[in-house]
Amino acid sequence: MTRWNLSIADRTDRLVRVFLARTGLKKGDLSAFVEAACRGEVLRRTVTEIQEQNADLSAEDAMKLANEALAAVRATPA
């Protein structure tokens, strides 16, 4: 496990802590909340990047590539 030291704006800190309290989460759940938010943001940015890289593909070509990738993954032993 890695520890981060972060500087967060007071307004954001209050917003997150009020949200956590309102949803029944405890102070210790802040780390899990931040980790989930980071993972979500990385996924969102990755999807956006891939969409931009493939903007010139037709729907048919994109589906063909997706099907080929899926077949390759399924063919690989776990």
C-alpha atoms as a PDB file:
ATOM      1  CA  MET A   1       0.000   0.000   0.000  1.00  0.00           C
ATOM      2  CA  THR A   2       1.256   3.472  -0.888  1.00  0.00           C
ATOM      3  CA  ARG A   3       0.591   6.647   1.057  1.00  0.00           C
ATOM      4  CA  TRP A   4      -0.137   9.936  -0.713  1.00  0.00           C
ATOM      5  CA  ASN A   5       0.163  13.393   0.757  1.00  0.00           C
ATOM      6  CA  LEU A   6      -2.296  15.606  -1.084  1.00  0.00           C
ATOM      7  CA  SER A   7      -3.271  19.237  -0.921  1.00  0.00           C
ATOM      8  CA  ILE A   8      -7.007  19.635  -1.407  1.00  0.00           C
ATOM      9  CA  ALA A   9      -8.948  22.877  -1.453  1.00  0.00           C
ATOM     10  CA  ASP A  10     -10.944  23.432   1.752  1.00  0.00           C
ATOM     11  CA  ARG A  11     -14.183  23.656  -0.229  1.00  0.00           C
ATOM     12  CA  THR A  12     -13.546  20.294  -1.905  1.00  0.00           C
ATOM     13  CA  ASP A  13     -12.611  18.714   1.424  1.00  0.00           C
ATOM     14  CA  ARG A  14     -15.874  19.879   3.014  1.00  0.00           C
ATOM     15  CA  LEU A  15     -17.883  18.782  -0.019  1.00  0.00           C
ATOM     16  CA  VAL A  16     -16.428  15.260   0.046  1.00  0.00           C
ATOM     17  CA  ARG A  17     -16.660  14.854   3.815  1.00  0.00           C
ATOM     18  CA  VAL A  18     -20.278  16.028   3.865  1.00  0.00           C
ATOM     19  CA  PHE A  19     -21.057  13.623   1.031  1.00  0.00           C
ATOM     20  CA  LEU A  20     -19.384  10.736   2.885  1.00  0.00           C
ATOM     21  CA  ALA A  21     -21.246  11.574   6.100  1.00  0.00           C
ATOM     22  CA  ARG A  22     -24.571  11.939   4.273  1.00  0.00           C
ATOM     23  CA  THR A  23     -24.177   8.538   2.632  1.00  0.00           C
ATOM     24  CA  GLY A  24     -23.224   6.844   5.898  1.00  0.00           C
ATOM     25  CA  LEU A  25     -19.542   6.433   5.173  1.00  0.00           C
ATOM     26  CA  LYS A  26     -16.955   7.073   7.869  1.00  0.00           C
ATOM     27  CA  LYS A  27     -13.799   9.168   7.851  1.00  0.00           C
ATOM     28  CA  GLY A  28     -11.746   6.023   7.158  1.00  0.00           C
ATOM     29  CA  ASP A  29     -13.702   5.508   3.944  1.00  0.00           C
ATOM     30  CA  LEU A  30     -12.099   8.614   2.442  1.00  0.00           C
ATOM     31  CA  SER A  31      -9.187   6.578   1.051  1.00  0.00           C
ATOM     32  CA  ALA A  32     -11.522   4.134  -0.670  1.00  0.00           C
ATOM     33  CA  PHE A  33     -13.556   7.048  -2.074  1.00  0.00           C
ATOM     34  CA  VAL A  34     -10.449   8.759  -3.475  1.00  0.00           C
ATOM     35  CA  GLU A  35      -9.135   5.498  -4.936  1.00  0.00           C
ATOM     36  CA  ALA A  36     -12.465   4.799  -6.664  1.00  0.00           C
ATOM     37  CA  ALA A  37     -12.566   8.365  -8.000  1.00  0.00           C
ATOM     38  CA  CYS A  38      -9.023   8.060  -9.362  1.00  0.00           C
ATOM     39  CA  ARG A  39      -9.770   4.743 -11.042  1.00  0.00           C
ATOM     40  CA  GLY A  40     -12.920   6.203 -12.581  1.00  0.00           C
ATOM     41  CA  GLU A  41     -11.078   9.239 -13.893  1.00  0.00           C
ATOM     42  CA  VAL A  42      -8.268   7.124 -15.371  1.00  0.00           C
ATOM     43  CA  LEU A  43     -10.866   4.945 -17.120  1.00  0.00           C
ATOM     44  CA  ARG A  44     -12.761   7.997 -18.424  1.00  0.00           C
ATOM     45  CA  ARG A  45      -9.600   9.586 -19.789  1.00  0.00           C
ATOM     46  CA  THR A  46      -8.440   6.314 -21.344  1.00  0.00           C
ATOM     47  CA  VAL A  47     -11.773   5.857 -23.122  1.00  0.00           C
ATOM     48  CA  THR A  48     -11.665   9.458 -24.376  1.00  0.00           C
ATOM     49  CA  GLU A  49      -8.113   8.972 -25.647  1.00  0.00           C
ATOM     50  CA  ILE A  50      -9.038   5.768 -27.484  1.00  0.00           C
ATOM     51  CA  GLN A  51     -12.135   7.395 -28.972  1.00  0.00           C
ATOM     52  CA  GLU A  52     -10.025  10.290 -30.260  1.00  0.00           C
ATOM     53  CA  GLN A  53      -7.422   7.915 -31.723  1.00  0.00           C
ATOM     54  CA  ASN A  54     -10.123   5.937 -33.517  1.00  0.00           C
ATOM     55  CA  ALA A  55     -12.361   8.794 -34.602  1.00  0.00           C
ATOM     56  CA  ASP A  56     -11.635   8.066 -38.254  1.00  0.00           C
ATOM     57  CA  LEU A  57     -12.797   4.415 -38.057  1.00  0.00           C
ATOM     58  CA  SER A  58     -16.161   3.474 -39.440  1.00  0.00           C
ATOM     59  CA  ALA A  59     -18.567   1.646 -37.141  1.00  0.00           C
ATOM     60  CA  GLU A  60     -18.003  -1.522 -39.145  1.00  0.00           C
ATOM     61  CA  ASP A  61     -14.203  -1.293 -38.871  1.00  0.00           C
ATOM     62  CA  ALA A  62     -14.436  -0.591 -35.146  1.00  0.00           C
ATOM     63  CA  MET A  63     -16.706  -3.615 -34.657  1.00  0.00           C
ATOM     64  CA  LYS A  64     -14.335  -5.789 -36.687  1.00  0.00           C
ATOM     65  CA  LEU A  65     -11.371  -4.748 -34.524  1.00  0.00           C
ATOM     66  CA  ALA A  66     -13.368  -5.320 -31.334  1.00  0.00           C
ATOM     67  CA  ASN A  67     -14.433  -8.787 -32.489  1.00  0.00           C
ATOM     68  CA  GLU A  68     -10.849  -9.682 -33.412  1.00  0.00           C
ATOM     69  CA  ALA A  69      -9.593  -8.539 -30.014  1.00  0.00           C
ATOM     70  CA  LEU A  70     -12.336 -10.459 -28.235  1.00  0.00           C
ATOM     71  CA  ALA A  71     -11.525 -13.623 -30.203  1.00  0.00           C
ATOM     72  CA  ALA A  72      -7.827 -13.262 -29.336  1.00  0.00           C
ATOM     73  CA  VAL A  73      -8.592 -12.885 -25.637  1.00  0.00           C
ATOM     74  CA  ARG A  74     -10.945 -15.859 -25.656  1.00  0.00           C
ATOM     75  CA  ALA A  75      -8.305 -17.969 -27.415  1.00  0.00           C
ATOM     76  CA  THR A  76      -5.702 -17.193 -24.766  1.00  0.00           C
ATOM     77  CA  PRO A  77      -5.701 -19.663 -21.846  1.00  0.00           C
ATOM     78  CA  ALA A  78      -6.378 -18.027 -18.486  1.00  0.00           C
END
